[in-house]
């Protein structure tokens, strides 16, 4: 049996879909389903169990699990309840890490590019504790993920016992099907697609930095299918452990993203640039780009989907369909 925490969420449900499509029906999901329709992310899937997070450690007692894919977290970058975020993202993760260590179970977990903060230290996934200590996350979510990375890498450097395989994945700007429940945390493409489709104006931020054009703020946008391929590859390469960036290695602008959506629909662009709110101007990231040399060096050669192709697949296969779910 495989366990996917956060399995009803965006990336998690896509992982579950890939496992089902590979013939694995023995997949247990740990997640809250809530009342916002998140269950639809799993409506086409076959599952062995659905476990509420508070029951998971009891559920695991005496159970054999082939691998734990730990994607569950409070992922809102605007979260402010420090106690809840630390209890969910850090302490619960430590419990799972300890269980996987004690039971010799591979452990693949979600870190985040938000651990890099404003990017002043670059985006190289140097996994030494000394390098990690130089990073300054800009929000509570990023700090909680950073804290767990430090805990794992601290055990590595101290020679402490760990699971037979462990991998922390620093996801960059992931987009794709089943992100609809995320509200304001969903990708700009998901949030603005209906405007694009219906000819309404799409608003992007103006630039407030010299030398950077309006809408040219850049992110490393990665399609969720590429993220899933990395996770599935790790499941088949038990000798690979480490902390890895998961991005394309190529930053593209928000304008590029939206122009690709217009192109996928054969529609004329209708973009308006608006002032960025004063309260976020000082902390807004203008550029992120994953260094992916360590992932390639570990043997991953699955490639990454070009932005225009990824947007075309998302628009044509999901966003512009009556049923948008995978």
Protein backbone atom coordinates (compact mmCIF):
# COMPACT_ATOMS: atom_id res chain seq x y z
CA UNK A 1 0.00 0.00 0.00
CA UNK A 2 1.07 3.56 -0.75
CA UNK A 3 0.07 6.51 1.46
CA UNK A 4 -0.44 10.00 0.02
CA UNK A 5 -1.02 12.73 2.58
CA UNK A 6 -2.77 15.74 1.12
CA UNK A 7 -4.08 13.26 -1.45
CA UNK A 8 -7.31 15.16 -2.04
CA UNK A 9 -5.42 18.36 -2.75
CA UNK A 10 -3.98 19.71 -5.97
CA UNK A 11 -0.66 17.91 -6.41
CA UNK A 12 -1.74 14.98 -4.24
CA UNK A 13 -4.81 14.12 -6.31
CA UNK A 14 -2.72 14.22 -9.48
CA UNK A 15 -0.26 11.79 -7.86
CA UNK A 16 -3.15 9.50 -6.91
CA UNK A 17 -4.44 9.67 -10.50
CA UNK A 18 -1.03 8.68 -11.87
CA UNK A 19 -0.76 5.77 -9.44
CA UNK A 20 -4.24 4.54 -10.38
CA UNK A 21 -3.39 4.84 -14.07
CA UNK A 22 -0.26 2.76 -13.42
CA UNK A 23 -2.48 0.01 -12.01
CA UNK A 24 -2.17 0.85 -8.31
CA UNK A 25 -5.51 0.68 -6.50
CA UNK A 26 -3.87 0.16 -3.10
CA UNK A 27 -3.53 3.89 -2.42
CA UNK A 28 -4.63 5.40 0.88
CA UNK A 29 -5.25 9.12 1.15
CA UNK A 30 -4.85 11.18 4.30
CA UNK A 31 -6.64 14.51 4.03
CA UNK A 32 -9.51 16.71 5.08
CA UNK A 33 -12.29 16.76 2.47
CA UNK A 34 -14.17 19.68 3.98
CA UNK A 35 -17.28 21.15 2.39
CA UNK A 36 -15.80 23.08 -0.55
CA UNK A 37 -16.05 20.28 -3.11
CA UNK A 38 -12.45 19.10 -2.76
CA UNK A 39 -13.76 15.52 -2.93
CA UNK A 40 -14.24 16.06 -6.68
CA UNK A 41 -10.46 15.87 -7.08
CA UNK A 42 -10.77 12.18 -6.18
CA UNK A 43 -14.18 11.39 -7.68
CA UNK A 44 -12.67 9.35 -10.54
CA UNK A 45 -10.20 7.45 -8.36
CA UNK A 46 -10.06 4.06 -6.64
CA UNK A 47 -8.79 4.25 -3.06
CA UNK A 48 -7.93 1.80 -0.31
CA UNK A 49 -8.88 4.27 2.45
CA UNK A 50 -9.42 7.95 3.28
CA UNK A 51 -7.98 8.84 6.67
CA UNK A 52 -8.53 12.15 8.54
CA UNK A 53 -5.17 13.63 9.63
CA UNK A 54 -5.80 13.34 13.41
CA UNK A 55 -6.32 9.58 13.00
CA UNK A 56 -3.29 8.88 10.84
CA UNK A 57 -0.70 7.92 13.44
CA UNK A 58 -3.15 5.46 15.01
CA UNK A 59 -4.10 4.14 11.55
CA UNK A 60 -0.41 3.50 10.79
CA UNK A 61 0.15 1.33 13.86
CA UNK A 62 1.01 -2.21 12.78
CA UNK A 63 0.38 -1.39 9.13
CA UNK A 64 2.79 -2.07 6.26
CA UNK A 65 3.20 0.84 3.88
CA UNK A 66 5.40 0.69 0.78
CA UNK A 67 6.12 4.44 0.76
CA UNK A 68 4.77 7.68 2.22
CA UNK A 69 4.30 10.62 -0.15
CA UNK A 70 3.78 13.52 2.24
CA UNK A 71 2.13 16.44 0.48
CA UNK A 72 -0.35 17.50 3.14
CA UNK A 73 0.14 20.97 4.59
CA UNK A 74 -1.41 24.35 5.21
CA UNK A 75 -0.11 25.83 1.98
CA UNK A 76 -1.57 29.34 2.01
CA UNK A 77 1.24 31.86 1.85
CA UNK A 78 -1.09 34.30 3.63
CA UNK A 79 -1.64 32.02 6.66
CA UNK A 80 -1.17 33.82 9.98
CA UNK A 81 -1.95 31.24 12.70
CA UNK A 82 1.60 30.35 13.66
CA UNK A 83 0.70 27.60 16.12
CA UNK A 84 -1.60 25.83 13.66
CA UNK A 85 0.88 26.08 10.77
CA UNK A 86 3.79 24.76 12.84
CA UNK A 87 1.69 21.95 14.30
CA UNK A 88 0.47 20.93 10.83
CA UNK A 89 3.49 21.57 8.63
CA UNK A 90 6.37 20.90 11.02
CA UNK A 91 5.44 18.76 14.00
CA UNK A 92 3.12 16.43 12.07
CA UNK A 93 5.83 16.03 9.41
CA UNK A 94 8.34 15.09 12.13
CA UNK A 95 5.96 12.40 13.38
CA UNK A 96 5.71 10.92 9.89
CA UNK A 97 9.47 11.11 9.41
CA UNK A 98 9.99 9.28 12.71
CA UNK A 99 7.44 6.62 11.76
CA UNK A 100 9.07 6.09 8.36
CA UNK A 101 12.48 5.86 10.02
CA UNK A 102 11.30 3.31 12.59
CA UNK A 103 9.51 1.25 9.93
CA UNK A 104 12.16 1.54 7.16
CA UNK A 105 9.64 3.18 4.83
CA UNK A 106 10.65 5.53 1.97
CA UNK A 107 9.56 9.11 2.66
CA UNK A 108 9.02 11.69 -0.09
CA UNK A 109 7.84 15.09 1.13
CA UNK A 110 6.88 18.49 -0.23
CA UNK A 111 9.11 21.41 0.59
CA UNK A 112 8.64 24.68 -1.29
CA UNK A 113 10.43 27.32 -3.32
CA UNK A 114 9.04 29.79 -0.79
CA UNK A 115 11.89 28.69 1.51
CA UNK A 116 14.18 30.81 -0.69
CA UNK A 117 12.51 34.02 0.43
CA UNK A 118 13.20 36.98 -1.85
CA UNK A 119 15.79 34.99 -3.81
CA UNK A 120 18.70 37.13 -2.62
CA UNK A 121 20.65 33.93 -1.88
CA UNK A 122 19.76 32.43 -5.25
CA UNK A 123 17.75 29.29 -5.95
CA UNK A 124 20.40 26.56 -5.77
CA UNK A 125 19.22 23.52 -3.83
CA UNK A 126 22.37 23.24 -1.75
CA UNK A 127 21.42 20.71 0.91
CA UNK A 128 24.00 21.60 3.54
CA UNK A 129 22.69 22.96 6.82
CA UNK A 130 25.05 25.93 6.47
CA UNK A 131 23.49 26.86 3.12
CA UNK A 132 19.95 26.40 4.40
CA UNK A 133 20.66 28.69 7.34
CA UNK A 134 21.37 31.53 4.91
CA UNK A 135 17.80 31.44 3.57
CA UNK A 136 15.20 33.89 4.86
CA UNK A 137 11.61 32.82 4.03
CA UNK A 138 9.24 35.74 3.75
CA UNK A 139 6.07 34.16 5.13
CA UNK A 140 4.91 31.71 7.78
CA UNK A 141 4.27 28.92 5.28
CA UNK A 142 7.76 29.20 3.80
CA UNK A 143 9.35 29.25 7.25
CA UNK A 144 7.46 26.12 8.34
CA UNK A 145 8.75 24.24 5.28
CA UNK A 146 12.26 25.60 5.83
CA UNK A 147 12.20 24.49 9.45
CA UNK A 148 11.42 20.92 8.41
CA UNK A 149 14.15 20.94 5.74
CA UNK A 150 16.61 22.01 8.44
CA UNK A 151 15.44 19.21 10.74
CA UNK A 152 15.89 16.56 8.04
CA UNK A 153 19.26 17.83 6.84
CA UNK A 154 20.41 18.22 10.43
CA UNK A 155 19.81 14.50 10.93
CA UNK A 156 21.73 13.77 7.73
CA UNK A 157 24.75 15.79 8.86
CA UNK A 158 24.65 14.29 12.36
CA UNK A 159 24.59 10.77 10.95
CA UNK A 160 21.23 10.07 12.60
CA UNK A 161 19.05 7.26 11.36
CA UNK A 162 16.66 8.13 8.52
CA UNK A 163 14.27 6.24 6.24
CA UNK A 164 15.97 4.06 3.57
CA UNK A 165 14.97 6.75 1.06
CA UNK A 166 14.08 10.36 1.81
CA UNK A 167 13.51 13.17 -0.66
CA UNK A 168 12.42 16.75 -0.08
CA UNK A 169 10.98 18.47 -3.14
CA UNK A 170 11.08 22.26 -3.42
CA UNK A 171 8.14 22.88 -5.74
CA UNK A 172 8.17 26.10 -7.72
CA UNK A 173 5.01 27.57 -9.35
CA UNK A 174 2.93 24.48 -10.06
CA UNK A 175 -0.26 24.78 -12.12
CA UNK A 176 -2.70 22.34 -13.64
CA UNK A 177 -5.98 20.45 -13.16
CA UNK A 178 -7.58 19.99 -9.72
CA UNK A 179 -6.31 23.27 -8.28
CA UNK A 180 -9.75 24.86 -8.33
CA UNK A 181 -10.47 24.50 -4.60
CA UNK A 182 -7.43 26.65 -3.77
CA UNK A 183 -9.24 29.95 -4.32
CA UNK A 184 -6.81 32.87 -4.31
CA UNK A 185 -3.91 30.39 -4.00
CA UNK A 186 -4.77 28.82 -7.37
CA UNK A 187 -2.64 29.79 -10.36
CA UNK A 188 -3.32 33.04 -12.18
CA UNK A 189 -4.28 30.95 -15.21
CA UNK A 190 -6.97 29.04 -13.32
CA UNK A 191 -8.32 32.22 -11.71
CA UNK A 192 -8.39 34.25 -14.90
CA UNK A 193 -9.36 31.62 -17.46
CA UNK A 194 -13.07 32.47 -17.51
CA UNK A 195 -12.16 36.11 -18.19
CA UNK A 196 -9.92 35.02 -21.07
CA UNK A 197 -12.64 32.73 -22.43
CA UNK A 198 -15.36 35.36 -22.25
CA UNK A 199 -13.37 38.27 -23.64
CA UNK A 200 -13.19 40.19 -20.38
CA UNK A 201 -10.11 42.19 -19.52
CA UNK A 202 -7.39 40.32 -17.62
CA UNK A 203 -5.53 42.38 -15.04
CA UNK A 204 -1.84 41.88 -14.31
CA UNK A 205 0.41 43.91 -12.05
CA UNK A 206 2.43 46.84 -13.29
CA UNK A 207 6.13 46.75 -12.56
CA UNK A 208 7.47 49.01 -9.85
CA UNK A 209 11.12 48.31 -10.61
CA UNK A 210 13.30 50.02 -13.17
CA UNK A 211 14.23 47.84 -16.11
CA UNK A 212 11.32 45.43 -15.69
CA UNK A 213 8.28 45.89 -17.92
CA UNK A 214 4.69 45.66 -16.73
CA UNK A 215 3.64 42.02 -16.49
CA UNK A 216 7.24 40.87 -16.89
CA UNK A 217 7.59 39.64 -13.31
CA UNK A 218 8.85 36.09 -13.80
CA UNK A 219 8.25 32.72 -12.19
CA UNK A 220 9.39 29.18 -12.83
CA UNK A 221 5.99 27.83 -13.90
CA UNK A 222 5.86 24.03 -13.93
CA UNK A 223 2.95 21.87 -15.09
CA UNK A 224 1.66 19.45 -12.48
CA UNK A 225 2.23 16.46 -14.79
CA UNK A 226 5.97 17.18 -14.67
CA UNK A 227 5.89 17.29 -10.86
CA UNK A 228 4.07 13.95 -10.76
CA UNK A 229 6.66 12.40 -13.07
CA UNK A 230 9.43 13.38 -10.66
CA UNK A 231 7.58 11.80 -7.73
CA UNK A 232 6.83 8.59 -9.62
CA UNK A 233 10.46 8.44 -10.75
CA UNK A 234 11.62 8.71 -7.14
CA UNK A 235 9.32 5.85 -6.16
CA UNK A 236 11.14 3.69 -8.70
CA UNK A 237 14.63 4.88 -7.68
CA UNK A 238 14.93 3.94 -4.03
CA UNK A 239 18.66 4.67 -4.04
CA UNK A 240 18.03 8.40 -4.62
CA UNK A 241 17.73 10.65 -1.58
CA UNK A 242 18.21 14.38 -1.12
CA UNK A 243 16.70 17.83 -1.28
CA UNK A 244 15.76 18.79 -4.84
CA UNK A 245 14.30 21.76 -6.65
CA UNK A 246 11.34 20.82 -8.83
CA UNK A 247 10.94 23.47 -11.51
CA UNK A 248 11.69 23.74 -15.21
CA UNK A 249 14.85 25.80 -14.79
CA UNK A 250 13.38 28.51 -17.05
CA UNK A 251 11.62 31.60 -15.69
CA UNK A 252 8.74 32.98 -17.76
CA UNK A 253 6.62 36.08 -17.24
CA UNK A 254 3.00 36.32 -16.12
CA UNK A 255 2.37 38.02 -19.45
CA UNK A 256 3.79 34.96 -21.25
CA UNK A 257 1.47 32.73 -19.22
CA UNK A 258 -1.65 34.67 -20.14
CA UNK A 259 -0.65 35.12 -23.78
CA UNK A 260 -0.27 31.34 -23.97
CA UNK A 261 -3.86 31.00 -22.71
CA UNK A 262 -5.12 33.41 -25.37
CA UNK A 263 -3.13 31.48 -27.94
CA UNK A 264 -4.61 28.16 -26.83
CA UNK A 265 -8.09 29.57 -27.44
CA UNK A 266 -7.20 31.46 -30.61
CA UNK A 267 -8.38 34.64 -28.88
CA UNK A 268 -7.15 38.23 -29.08
CA UNK A 269 -5.26 39.31 -25.93
CA UNK A 270 -7.02 41.79 -23.68
CA UNK A 271 -4.62 42.58 -20.82
CA UNK A 272 -4.64 45.60 -18.53
CA UNK A 273 -1.87 46.49 -16.10
CA UNK A 274 -2.82 47.76 -12.66
CA UNK A 275 -0.82 49.12 -9.73
CA UNK A 276 0.47 46.56 -7.28
CA UNK A 277 -1.02 47.08 -3.79
CA UNK A 278 1.26 49.17 -1.61
CA UNK A 279 1.31 46.57 1.18
CA UNK A 280 3.00 43.92 -0.98
CA UNK A 281 5.36 46.04 -3.10
CA UNK A 282 8.24 45.73 -0.69
CA UNK A 283 8.08 41.94 -0.48
CA UNK A 284 6.91 40.97 -3.95
CA UNK A 285 9.17 38.52 -5.81
CA UNK A 286 10.05 39.65 -9.31
CA UNK A 287 11.96 36.50 -10.29
CA UNK A 288 12.17 32.82 -9.38
CA UNK A 289 13.99 30.13 -11.31
CA UNK A 290 14.84 26.65 -10.10
CA UNK A 291 18.35 25.33 -10.32
CA UNK A 292 17.72 21.74 -11.41
CA UNK A 293 21.30 20.45 -11.73
CA UNK A 294 20.99 18.29 -8.61
CA UNK A 295 17.84 16.59 -9.91
CA UNK A 296 19.50 15.90 -13.26
CA UNK A 297 22.66 14.79 -11.47
CA UNK A 298 20.61 12.24 -9.52
CA UNK A 299 19.59 10.70 -12.82
CA UNK A 300 16.26 12.32 -13.64
CA UNK A 301 15.87 12.81 -17.40
CA UNK A 302 12.09 13.06 -17.73
CA UNK A 303 12.25 16.60 -19.11
CA UNK A 304 9.82 19.45 -18.50
CA UNK A 305 6.91 20.68 -20.59
CA UNK A 306 7.37 24.04 -22.33
CA UNK A 307 5.04 26.73 -21.00
CA UNK A 308 2.98 27.08 -24.18
CA UNK A 309 2.53 23.31 -24.46
CA UNK A 310 1.59 23.00 -20.79
CA UNK A 311 -0.95 25.81 -21.01
CA UNK A 312 -2.37 24.27 -24.18
CA UNK A 313 -2.79 20.91 -22.46
CA UNK A 314 -4.41 22.50 -19.40
CA UNK A 315 -6.76 24.71 -21.39
CA UNK A 316 -7.73 22.14 -24.02
CA UNK A 317 -7.92 19.14 -21.73
CA UNK A 318 -9.45 20.68 -18.62
CA UNK A 319 -10.22 24.40 -18.28
CA UNK A 320 -12.19 24.57 -21.54
CA UNK A 321 -14.11 21.36 -20.85
CA UNK A 322 -17.46 20.87 -19.03
CA UNK A 323 -15.62 18.57 -16.59
CA UNK A 324 -12.42 20.26 -15.48
CA UNK A 325 -11.31 17.51 -13.12
CA UNK A 326 -8.67 14.83 -13.75
